[in-house]
Each structure stands twice: as C-alpha cells, then as structure tokens.
Protein backbone atom coordinates (compact mmCIF):
# COMPACT_ATOMS: atom_id res chain seq x y z
CA MET A 1 4.72 15.36 10.10
CA ILE A 2 6.71 12.11 10.45
CA GLU A 3 10.15 12.18 12.05
CA ILE A 4 12.75 9.42 12.21
CA ASN A 5 15.60 10.62 14.42
CA ASN A 6 18.99 8.90 14.30
CA ILE A 7 17.66 5.32 14.23
CA TYR A 8 20.05 2.41 14.74
CA LYS A 9 19.18 -1.28 14.45
CA THR A 10 21.54 -4.26 14.60
CA PHE A 11 20.29 -7.80 14.09
CA ASN A 12 21.94 -10.77 15.84
CA PRO A 13 24.38 -8.59 17.84
CA GLY A 14 27.47 -10.33 19.18
CA THR A 15 27.16 -13.28 16.80
CA VAL A 16 28.81 -14.21 13.51
CA ASN A 17 25.57 -13.12 11.81
CA GLU A 18 25.67 -9.59 13.27
CA LYS A 19 24.24 -7.11 10.76
CA LEU A 20 23.98 -3.34 11.15
CA ALA A 21 20.72 -2.80 9.27
CA LEU A 22 20.04 0.87 10.10
CA ASP A 23 23.02 3.13 10.65
CA GLY A 24 21.84 6.45 12.10
CA VAL A 25 18.88 6.99 9.76
CA SER A 26 17.14 10.37 10.04
CA LEU A 27 14.23 11.42 7.86
CA THR A 28 11.50 14.04 8.15
CA LEU A 29 8.36 13.74 6.03
CA ASN A 30 6.13 16.78 5.76
CA ASP A 31 2.36 16.49 5.65
CA GLY A 32 1.35 15.16 2.22
CA ASP A 33 4.83 14.01 1.17
CA PHE A 34 4.81 10.92 -1.08
CA CYS A 35 8.35 9.60 -0.83
CA THR A 36 9.67 6.68 -2.85
CA VAL A 37 12.48 4.59 -1.32
CA ILE A 38 15.01 2.77 -3.48
CA GLY A 39 18.21 0.83 -2.88
CA GLY A 40 19.86 -2.56 -3.41
CA ASN A 41 19.28 -5.74 -1.44
CA GLY A 42 20.13 -5.23 2.23
CA ALA A 43 20.17 -1.43 1.88
CA GLY A 44 17.74 -1.02 4.79
CA LYS A 45 14.53 -0.09 2.94
CA SER A 46 12.10 -2.58 4.47
CA THR A 47 13.97 -2.41 7.78
CA MET A 48 13.20 1.31 7.93
CA LEU A 49 9.50 0.64 7.22
CA ASN A 50 9.47 -2.01 9.95
CA ALA A 51 11.08 0.48 12.36
CA LEU A 52 8.29 2.95 11.59
CA ALA A 53 5.60 0.27 11.99
CA GLY A 54 7.06 -0.98 15.30
CA VAL A 55 7.63 -4.56 14.11
CA TRP A 56 10.53 -4.72 16.60
CA PRO A 57 12.19 -2.17 18.93
CA VAL A 58 15.02 -0.01 17.60
CA ASP A 59 18.38 0.03 19.42
CA SER A 60 18.41 3.82 19.70
CA GLY A 61 16.81 6.90 18.16
CA SER A 62 13.16 7.88 18.01
CA VAL A 63 10.07 7.74 15.79
CA VAL A 64 7.54 10.60 16.00
CA ILE A 65 4.21 10.47 14.14
CA ASP A 66 2.09 13.63 14.06
CA GLY A 67 3.76 14.96 17.20
CA VAL A 68 3.41 11.68 19.14
CA ASN A 69 6.60 9.84 20.15
CA VAL A 70 5.69 6.24 19.28
CA THR A 71 9.19 4.77 19.76
CA SER A 72 8.16 2.63 22.73
CA LEU A 73 4.74 1.65 21.31
CA SER A 74 4.17 -1.88 20.01
CA GLU A 75 3.18 -2.60 16.41
CA HIS A 76 -0.40 -3.16 17.59
CA LYS A 77 -0.59 0.23 19.29
CA ARG A 78 0.99 2.05 16.33
CA ALA A 79 -1.58 0.53 13.95
CA LYS A 80 -4.04 3.38 14.52
CA TYR A 81 -1.53 5.80 12.95
CA ILE A 82 -0.33 3.58 10.10
CA GLY A 83 -1.76 1.87 7.01
CA ARG A 84 0.43 -0.72 5.29
CA VAL A 85 0.33 -2.71 2.05
CA PHE A 86 2.80 -5.59 1.69
CA GLN A 87 4.40 -7.24 -1.34
CA ASP A 88 2.27 -10.38 -1.05
CA PRO A 89 -1.33 -9.72 -2.21
CA MET A 90 -2.47 -12.46 0.19
CA THR A 91 -1.38 -10.34 3.16
CA GLY A 92 -3.73 -7.65 4.39
CA THR A 93 -7.06 -9.27 3.49
CA VAL A 94 -9.05 -12.17 4.96
CA ALA A 95 -9.47 -14.67 2.11
CA ASP A 96 -12.62 -16.42 3.33
CA MET A 97 -14.49 -13.18 4.07
CA GLU A 98 -16.48 -11.17 1.53
CA ILE A 99 -15.13 -7.95 0.00
CA VAL A 100 -17.70 -5.90 1.92
CA GLU A 101 -16.78 -7.67 5.19
CA ASN A 102 -13.07 -6.96 4.67
CA LEU A 103 -13.77 -3.27 4.12
CA ALA A 104 -16.04 -3.13 7.18
CA LEU A 105 -13.34 -4.81 9.26
CA ALA A 106 -10.81 -2.16 8.21
CA ALA A 107 -13.29 0.66 8.89
CA ARG A 108 -13.79 -0.66 12.45
CA ARG A 109 -10.08 -1.00 13.23
CA GLY A 110 -9.32 0.44 16.66
CA LYS A 111 -13.01 0.88 17.52
CA ARG A 112 -15.05 -1.05 20.06
CA ARG A 113 -17.03 -3.86 18.50
CA GLY A 114 -20.41 -4.60 20.01
CA LEU A 115 -22.66 -7.56 19.40
CA SER A 116 -24.35 -5.92 16.39
CA TRP A 117 -21.44 -6.23 13.97
CA GLY A 118 -23.62 -6.30 10.80
CA VAL A 119 -22.70 -4.06 7.86
CA LYS A 120 -25.29 -1.29 7.61
CA LYS A 121 -26.97 -0.24 4.37
CA GLU A 122 -25.27 3.17 4.30
CA GLU A 123 -21.90 1.48 4.79
CA LYS A 124 -22.55 -0.83 1.83
CA GLU A 125 -23.42 2.19 -0.34
CA LYS A 126 -20.19 3.92 0.70
CA TYR A 127 -18.12 0.81 -0.07
CA ARG A 128 -19.87 0.42 -3.44
CA GLU A 129 -18.82 3.98 -4.35
CA MET A 130 -15.22 3.29 -3.29
CA LEU A 131 -15.10 0.07 -5.31
CA THR A 132 -16.64 1.78 -8.36
CA GLU A 133 -13.77 4.29 -8.34
CA LEU A 134 -11.29 1.41 -8.63
CA ASP A 135 -12.74 0.66 -12.07
CA LEU A 136 -12.20 -3.09 -11.64
CA GLY A 137 -15.86 -4.18 -11.64
CA LEU A 138 -15.67 -5.11 -7.96
CA GLU A 139 -18.72 -3.02 -7.04
CA ASP A 140 -20.84 -5.83 -8.52
CA ARG A 141 -18.96 -8.51 -6.56
CA MET A 142 -19.21 -7.13 -3.03
CA THR A 143 -20.35 -10.48 -1.62
CA SER A 144 -17.57 -12.42 -3.35
CA LYS A 145 -14.94 -14.02 -1.12
CA VAL A 146 -11.66 -12.10 -1.38
CA GLY A 147 -9.78 -15.36 -1.89
CA LEU A 148 -11.44 -15.70 -5.32
CA LEU A 149 -9.96 -12.41 -6.59
CA SER A 150 -6.83 -11.95 -8.69
CA GLY A 151 -3.62 -10.65 -7.10
CA GLY A 152 -4.17 -7.17 -8.52
CA GLN A 153 -7.76 -7.03 -7.31
CA ARG A 154 -6.70 -8.15 -3.83
CA GLN A 155 -3.97 -5.53 -3.73
CA ALA A 156 -6.50 -2.86 -4.74
CA ILE A 157 -8.81 -3.99 -1.90
CA THR A 158 -5.85 -3.94 0.51
CA LEU A 159 -5.10 -0.35 -0.57
CA LEU A 160 -8.67 0.66 0.26
CA MET A 161 -8.48 -1.15 3.59
CA ALA A 162 -5.16 0.49 4.50
CA THR A 163 -6.47 4.00 3.74
CA ILE A 164 -10.16 3.78 4.72
CA GLN A 165 -9.41 5.51 8.05
CA LYS A 166 -6.98 8.02 6.48
CA PRO A 167 -3.81 6.97 8.35
CA LYS A 168 -1.17 9.48 9.41
CA LEU A 169 1.32 7.41 7.39
CA LEU A 170 0.84 4.94 4.52
CA LEU A 171 3.60 2.36 4.03
CA LEU A 172 3.78 0.64 0.63
CA ASP A 173 6.35 -2.15 0.84
CA GLU A 174 7.06 -3.24 -2.75
CA HIS A 175 3.31 -3.62 -3.10
CA THR A 176 3.43 -4.20 -6.88
CA ALA A 177 6.47 -6.51 -7.03
CA ALA A 178 4.40 -9.71 -7.19
CA LEU A 179 2.10 -8.43 -9.95
CA ASP A 180 2.46 -8.59 -13.74
CA PRO A 181 3.54 -5.25 -15.35
CA LYS A 182 0.05 -4.24 -16.56
CA THR A 183 -1.58 -4.98 -13.19
CA ALA A 184 1.30 -3.32 -11.32
CA ALA A 185 0.80 -0.14 -13.37
CA LYS A 186 -2.92 -0.16 -12.51
CA VAL A 187 -2.26 -0.60 -8.77
CA LEU A 188 0.35 2.21 -8.87
CA GLU A 189 -2.17 4.45 -10.61
CA LEU A 190 -4.70 3.67 -7.87
CA SER A 191 -2.06 4.36 -5.20
CA ASP A 192 -1.34 7.79 -6.71
CA LYS A 193 -5.04 8.60 -6.83
CA ILE A 194 -5.81 7.51 -3.25
CA ILE A 195 -2.75 9.32 -1.83
CA GLU A 196 -3.54 12.54 -3.71
CA GLU A 197 -7.29 12.58 -3.01
CA ASN A 198 -6.79 11.97 0.72
CA ASN A 199 -3.63 14.10 1.02
CA LEU A 200 -1.85 11.17 2.68
CA THR A 201 1.78 11.08 3.76
CA ALA A 202 3.31 7.96 2.19
CA LEU A 203 6.53 5.97 1.90
CA MET A 204 6.80 3.53 -1.02
CA VAL A 205 9.64 1.01 -1.22
CA THR A 206 10.37 -0.16 -4.76
CA HIS A 207 13.14 -1.89 -6.72
CA ASN A 208 11.96 -0.25 -9.93
CA MET A 209 14.01 2.89 -10.57
CA LYS A 210 11.59 4.24 -13.16
CA ASP A 211 8.65 3.88 -10.75
CA ALA A 212 10.68 5.58 -8.01
CA ILE A 213 11.21 8.58 -10.30
CA THR A 214 7.70 8.68 -11.79
CA HIS A 215 5.72 8.47 -8.57
CA GLY A 216 5.69 10.78 -5.58
CA ASN A 217 7.22 14.21 -4.94
CA ARG A 218 10.37 12.95 -3.25
CA LEU A 219 12.89 10.11 -3.69
CA ILE A 220 15.40 8.74 -1.21
CA MET A 221 18.06 6.14 -1.94
CA MET A 222 19.49 3.89 0.75
CA SER A 223 22.74 1.94 0.92
CA ASP A 224 24.28 0.00 3.83
CA GLY A 225 21.63 1.18 6.27
CA LYS A 226 22.03 4.87 5.45
CA ILE A 227 20.12 7.41 3.35
CA ILE A 228 22.64 8.50 0.72
CA LEU A 229 20.38 10.53 -1.61
CA ASP A 230 17.33 12.72 -1.01
CA ILE A 231 15.87 14.29 -4.17
CA SER A 232 12.66 16.28 -4.47
CA GLY A 233 10.87 19.01 -6.40
CA GLU A 234 12.02 20.01 -9.87
CA GLU A 235 15.23 17.97 -9.60
CA LYS A 236 13.19 14.77 -9.15
CA LYS A 237 10.84 15.64 -12.04
CA GLN A 238 13.79 16.04 -14.43
CA LEU A 239 15.65 12.95 -13.20
CA THR A 240 16.37 10.01 -15.51
CA VAL A 241 17.27 6.44 -14.54
CA ASP A 242 20.82 6.87 -15.90
CA GLN A 243 21.27 10.06 -13.84
CA LEU A 244 20.02 8.22 -10.75
CA LEU A 245 22.58 5.46 -11.32
CA GLN A 246 25.32 8.08 -11.75
CA LYS A 247 24.30 9.79 -8.54
CA PHE A 248 24.39 6.46 -6.71
CA GLU A 249 27.93 5.81 -7.96
CA GLN A 250 29.08 9.34 -7.02
CA VAL A 251 27.67 9.19 -3.49
CA SER A 252 28.42 5.55 -2.65
CA GLY A 253 31.73 5.32 -4.48
CA SER A 254 30.69 2.05 -6.14
CA LYS A 255 28.64 0.82 -9.07
CA MET A 256 25.09 -0.44 -8.59
CA ASP A 257 25.45 -4.23 -8.72
CA ASN A 258 21.89 -5.18 -7.78
CA ASP A 259 20.54 -7.27 -10.67
CA ARG A 260 16.91 -6.80 -9.66
CA MET A 261 17.21 -3.01 -9.80
CA LEU A 262 19.19 -2.97 -13.02
CA LEU A 263 16.69 -5.30 -14.70
CA SER A 264 13.84 -2.95 -13.77
CA LYS A 265 15.38 0.20 -15.26
CA ASP A 266 12.77 0.46 -18.03
C-alpha cells in the first residue's frame, strides 16, 4: 500500500515567484492499483510524482511505501522501493552500454558489486526471454549499444529496467509523450502487460484523456495542486472523454483550457 498524507509543497516561498504546487494532497493506493493521473499544466501531476520519489523534501505531510515512512529519505535511498520511467527516452538508460549491460545494471541496483561484475550465462538467457516478450526483435541485438535504438525501443528497455526488481511503486511520468502515436500505443501496451503480470502498483501521468480512461483501474484528476476527481471501477470503465471534461468543469467550476489536453482527446 502507498500512502500520501496531506502533502504540501511551495516553490520559491517568500518571493514574487512563490508557487503552491501541492495543496494538501492525500492519496492511498492499494496493492496492484494502476492509477492514471491527468490535469492541465501546473496542476501538480509531476510534482506529486517527484514528492513520492523524494526529488526534494516536502514542506509538510508524509509519504508511506509498504508500511515504511520514507518522508525523510533521500531520492537515492527511496530508489529501492521505486521504479520510474521519464518522458525523455534518453533518460533511464546508459547510451554507450549494451542492452544486456543496461539490464544487468538495473538488476544489480541496491546490491553490493564485487570485482566480478560480468554478466553470467543464466542472466543473459533470462534477459533474452524478457526481450523476446517485448516483440521488438531486441533479443537478437543484446550486444547493441542502447544509444543506437529508436525512442520507442529505448523506452521499452527503460520499462524493463524500472521493473526488473519488481518495485513497490512504478512511476510513469508521461513516458509516451515524446513518441509517435503508433510507438506510444506499443509502449502503453507493454506497460499494461508488465504491470499486470507482476501485479505492480503504478501511477501514470498523462496529458491524453483517452489513455487516462483506457488504461489502469483508477483515474485521478488534479487542478491547482489538489486532487479534484477520483474515479475507479465500473464508473471508470464506462467513462467517456466528454464526460470527463464535464466532470472537470463541475468540480473545478471552470472550463478545461489546456490546449495539450484538448488536442489529445481522441
């Protein structure tokens, strides 16, 4: 279980650029929840993910992951609980290392590394199986440098790396936004598969309202640093994009004016 309890975060306090980014956010994710997060620019979506990951300290409130209060832990120390995939496919992999070396690096995260770092035969076989399941032909390119791969292929590798140790929480921060529609759909399909097969608890930030409805078992919408909608179960399954826009207007008292979200309705 993941618990965010009454989190506040203000950037640049006491200056003309003061911004209340998280305004008393509380959220509980049950084991196996796949929750999509949607909202306009500046709504607090990525700020909430950064609060969970420990990118910077929160002003008040707490973060609990699997019963452990991690609020005072640094990003480095929280890494053993969290897997994360960013918007930029270049983030999360080492470009001048081979595919197999990147996967081995992720598998060893948090473990002591001795002098004999070599990738063992049984490891290579395991990675080949994982890559075969991606259905991208990468199992025959295990010694290729990751920097030679396409954006979609790199993002698929990053997904494997982020989940190879079965994290307590998987954070997907607009991880398909930089990809073309066909590749984005493939990476989303892979995300669904990996989350379901490993029974992972996941939060996925997206600007695409249709994707937010289609994927996961729960949807939250943020506005002005608050969670204003929390929809799950049968209600989420029956939801349409137009209904989601209506709900936003009812709860926030204003029309959605975010061009990026409105352009990605379909």
